[in-house]
Amino acid sequence: MFSKEERLKAVKLFLKYDHSYAVVIHELGYPSVGALRHWYQEYKNTGKLKEKQNRKSKYSTDQKQKAVNHYFKHGKCYARTIRILGYPDKETLRKWCVATRPETNKICQSTVKLTEKQKPDLFTKICKIPIKHMHHAFDGYFAFSPFKCTKRASALV
């Protein structure tokens, strides 16, 4: 997004340089040809530029609501919602969900801190698998192979 002053500067240079898109873009380093064309048309038609550019949303209100509802009703998984509906991208869906329910913006993190000595004991407690079968351990989560046992440490401490 460019400020009104930046857009007006680009349009005035465009007029000064005999409608040369390339020269203006080269000198300023912005905008694209399409943006400059749009700004020039707006300036030519109204004699001024709007304070703020209003973008029309790519998705309708119904599409947004459908995506948010699907996300909350089907396991709160961004990837699954996007895959099933075919839209939007993860960050857009996250913003819609936060706008609808601000509490979804909270980051869930385990507050349990385990020492190296506590981890093996907790592993055996979680899955009742002998330590010799343990292959991977990493903070907050435990993974065993070949049993595919994964659980949060915070659930048991």
Protein backbone atom coordinates (compact mmCIF):
# COMPACT_ATOMS: atom_id res chain seq x y z
CA MET A 1 0.00 0.00 0.00
CA PHE A 2 1.26 3.41 -0.92
CA SER A 3 0.35 6.65 0.79
CA LYS A 4 -1.61 9.32 -1.03
CA GLU A 5 1.55 11.43 -1.28
CA GLU A 6 3.54 8.60 -2.87
CA ARG A 7 0.78 7.89 -5.38
CA LEU A 8 0.40 11.58 -6.23
CA LYS A 9 4.18 11.91 -6.70
CA ALA A 10 4.12 8.98 -9.13
CA VAL A 11 1.21 10.45 -11.12
CA LYS A 12 2.84 13.88 -11.35
CA LEU A 13 6.10 12.34 -12.57
CA PHE A 14 4.09 10.31 -15.07
CA LEU A 15 2.64 13.54 -16.47
CA LYS A 16 6.03 15.29 -16.36
CA TYR A 17 7.74 12.46 -18.28
CA ASP A 18 5.15 12.39 -21.10
CA HIS A 19 3.25 9.33 -19.86
CA SER A 20 6.30 7.08 -19.64
CA TYR A 21 5.61 4.21 -17.26
CA ALA A 22 9.17 2.87 -17.48
CA VAL A 23 10.85 6.16 -16.54
CA VAL A 24 8.60 6.73 -13.52
CA ILE A 25 9.00 3.17 -12.25
CA HIS A 26 12.76 3.33 -12.81
CA GLU A 27 13.11 6.63 -10.96
CA LEU A 28 10.87 5.82 -7.99
CA GLY A 29 11.34 2.07 -7.77
CA TYR A 30 7.59 1.68 -7.56
CA PRO A 31 4.70 1.07 -8.56
CA SER A 32 3.78 -1.54 -11.13
CA VAL A 33 2.54 -0.44 -14.55
CA GLY A 34 -0.99 -1.52 -13.64
CA ALA A 35 -1.00 0.44 -10.39
CA LEU A 36 0.35 3.57 -12.05
CA ARG A 37 -2.23 3.26 -14.83
CA HIS A 38 -5.01 2.96 -12.24
CA TRP A 39 -3.75 5.95 -10.25
CA TYR A 40 -3.45 8.04 -13.40
CA GLN A 41 -7.01 7.16 -14.51
CA GLU A 42 -8.34 8.10 -11.07
CA TYR A 43 -6.42 11.39 -11.14
CA LYS A 44 -7.54 12.14 -14.71
CA ASN A 45 -11.22 11.43 -13.95
CA THR A 46 -11.53 13.18 -10.58
CA GLY A 47 -8.55 15.56 -10.48
CA LYS A 48 -7.38 14.00 -7.20
CA LEU A 49 -6.55 10.71 -5.54
CA LYS A 50 -8.50 9.05 -2.74
CA GLU A 51 -7.06 9.20 0.76
CA LYS A 52 -7.18 5.46 1.12
CA GLN A 53 -7.39 2.72 -1.44
CA ASN A 54 -10.28 0.36 -0.82
CA ARG A 55 -9.73 -3.16 -2.00
CA LYS A 56 -12.65 -5.37 -2.72
CA SER A 57 -12.36 -8.62 -0.82
CA LYS A 58 -11.50 -11.66 -2.88
CA TYR A 59 -13.99 -13.73 -0.87
CA SER A 60 -17.64 -13.03 -0.13
CA THR A 61 -18.95 -12.80 3.41
CA ASP A 62 -20.71 -16.15 2.93
CA GLN A 63 -17.47 -17.82 1.83
CA LYS A 64 -15.64 -16.44 4.84
CA GLN A 65 -18.36 -17.58 7.23
CA LYS A 66 -18.47 -21.04 5.63
CA ALA A 67 -14.70 -21.43 6.05
CA VAL A 68 -14.72 -20.26 9.68
CA ASN A 69 -17.67 -22.51 10.54
CA HIS A 70 -15.97 -25.50 8.92
CA TYR A 71 -12.76 -24.81 10.82
CA PHE A 72 -14.50 -24.74 14.22
CA LYS A 73 -16.88 -27.65 13.53
CA HIS A 74 -14.31 -30.04 12.06
CA GLY A 75 -11.41 -30.21 14.49
CA LYS A 76 -9.90 -26.74 14.21
CA CYS A 77 -7.43 -27.74 11.52
CA TYR A 78 -6.44 -25.04 9.02
CA ALA A 79 -4.95 -27.47 6.52
CA ARG A 80 -8.05 -29.69 6.44
CA THR A 81 -10.41 -26.74 6.02
CA ILE A 82 -8.33 -25.33 3.17
CA ARG A 83 -8.03 -28.73 1.49
CA ILE A 84 -11.77 -29.45 1.66
CA LEU A 85 -13.02 -25.98 0.65
CA GLY A 86 -10.22 -25.17 -1.76
CA TYR A 87 -9.69 -21.72 -0.25
CA PRO A 88 -8.20 -19.54 1.34
CA ASP A 89 -4.55 -19.73 2.40
CA LYS A 90 -3.64 -20.54 6.02
CA GLU A 91 -2.87 -16.99 7.12
CA THR A 92 -6.12 -15.60 5.68
CA LEU A 93 -8.19 -18.31 7.36
CA ARG A 94 -6.36 -17.69 10.65
CA LYS A 95 -7.20 -13.96 10.44
CA TRP A 96 -10.87 -14.72 9.76
CA CYS A 97 -10.99 -17.11 12.72
CA VAL A 98 -9.33 -14.60 15.06
CA ALA A 99 -11.71 -11.86 13.89
CA THR A 100 -14.67 -14.14 14.64
CA ARG A 101 -13.35 -15.57 17.90
CA PRO A 102 -10.39 -13.62 19.34
CA GLU A 103 -9.60 -16.40 21.83
CA THR A 104 -8.33 -18.56 18.93
CA ASN A 105 -5.28 -16.30 18.69
CA LYS A 106 -3.86 -17.66 21.94
CA ILE A 107 -0.77 -19.78 21.56
CA CYS A 108 -0.87 -23.06 23.42
CA GLN A 109 2.43 -24.02 24.94
CA SER A 110 3.30 -26.51 27.58
CA THR A 111 4.47 -24.92 30.81
CA VAL A 112 5.95 -28.20 32.03
CA LYS A 113 9.73 -28.25 32.05
CA LEU A 114 11.28 -31.68 32.45
CA THR A 115 14.80 -32.56 33.42
CA GLU A 116 16.73 -35.16 31.46
CA LYS A 117 16.21 -37.59 34.34
CA GLN A 118 12.41 -37.10 34.36
CA LYS A 119 11.97 -37.71 30.63
CA PRO A 120 12.71 -41.48 30.55
CA ASP A 121 10.44 -42.07 33.56
CA LEU A 122 7.64 -40.14 31.90
CA PHE A 123 8.12 -42.02 28.63
CA THR A 124 7.54 -45.37 30.26
CA LYS A 125 4.58 -43.97 32.19
CA ILE A 126 2.93 -42.65 29.01
CA CYS A 127 3.18 -45.65 26.75
CA LYS A 128 4.39 -48.46 28.99
CA ILE A 129 7.11 -49.24 26.47
CA PRO A 130 10.55 -50.26 27.68
CA ILE A 131 13.20 -47.56 27.35
CA LYS A 132 15.18 -49.66 24.84
CA HIS A 133 12.40 -49.00 22.26
CA MET A 134 12.64 -45.25 22.70
CA HIS A 135 14.13 -43.60 19.61
CA HIS A 136 13.37 -39.88 19.76
CA ALA A 137 12.72 -37.34 22.45
CA PHE A 138 12.28 -33.65 22.04
CA ASP A 139 11.01 -30.87 24.30
CA GLY A 140 7.32 -31.04 25.12
CA TYR A 141 6.57 -33.98 22.87
CA PHE A 142 7.64 -37.60 22.93
CA ALA A 143 7.81 -39.89 19.95
CA PHE A 144 8.31 -43.62 19.95
CA SER A 145 9.01 -45.86 17.05
CA PRO A 146 7.68 -48.27 15.78
CA PHE A 147 4.67 -47.78 18.08
CA LYS A 148 3.85 -44.22 16.98
CA CYS A 149 3.04 -43.17 20.51
CA THR A 150 2.94 -39.40 20.84
CA LYS A 151 1.53 -37.55 23.82
CA ARG A 152 2.01 -34.21 25.55
CA ALA A 153 4.04 -34.26 28.72
CA SER A 154 1.80 -31.66 30.34
CA ALA A 155 -1.09 -34.15 30.41
CA LEU A 156 0.66 -36.38 32.92
CA VAL A 157 2.65 -34.06 35.14
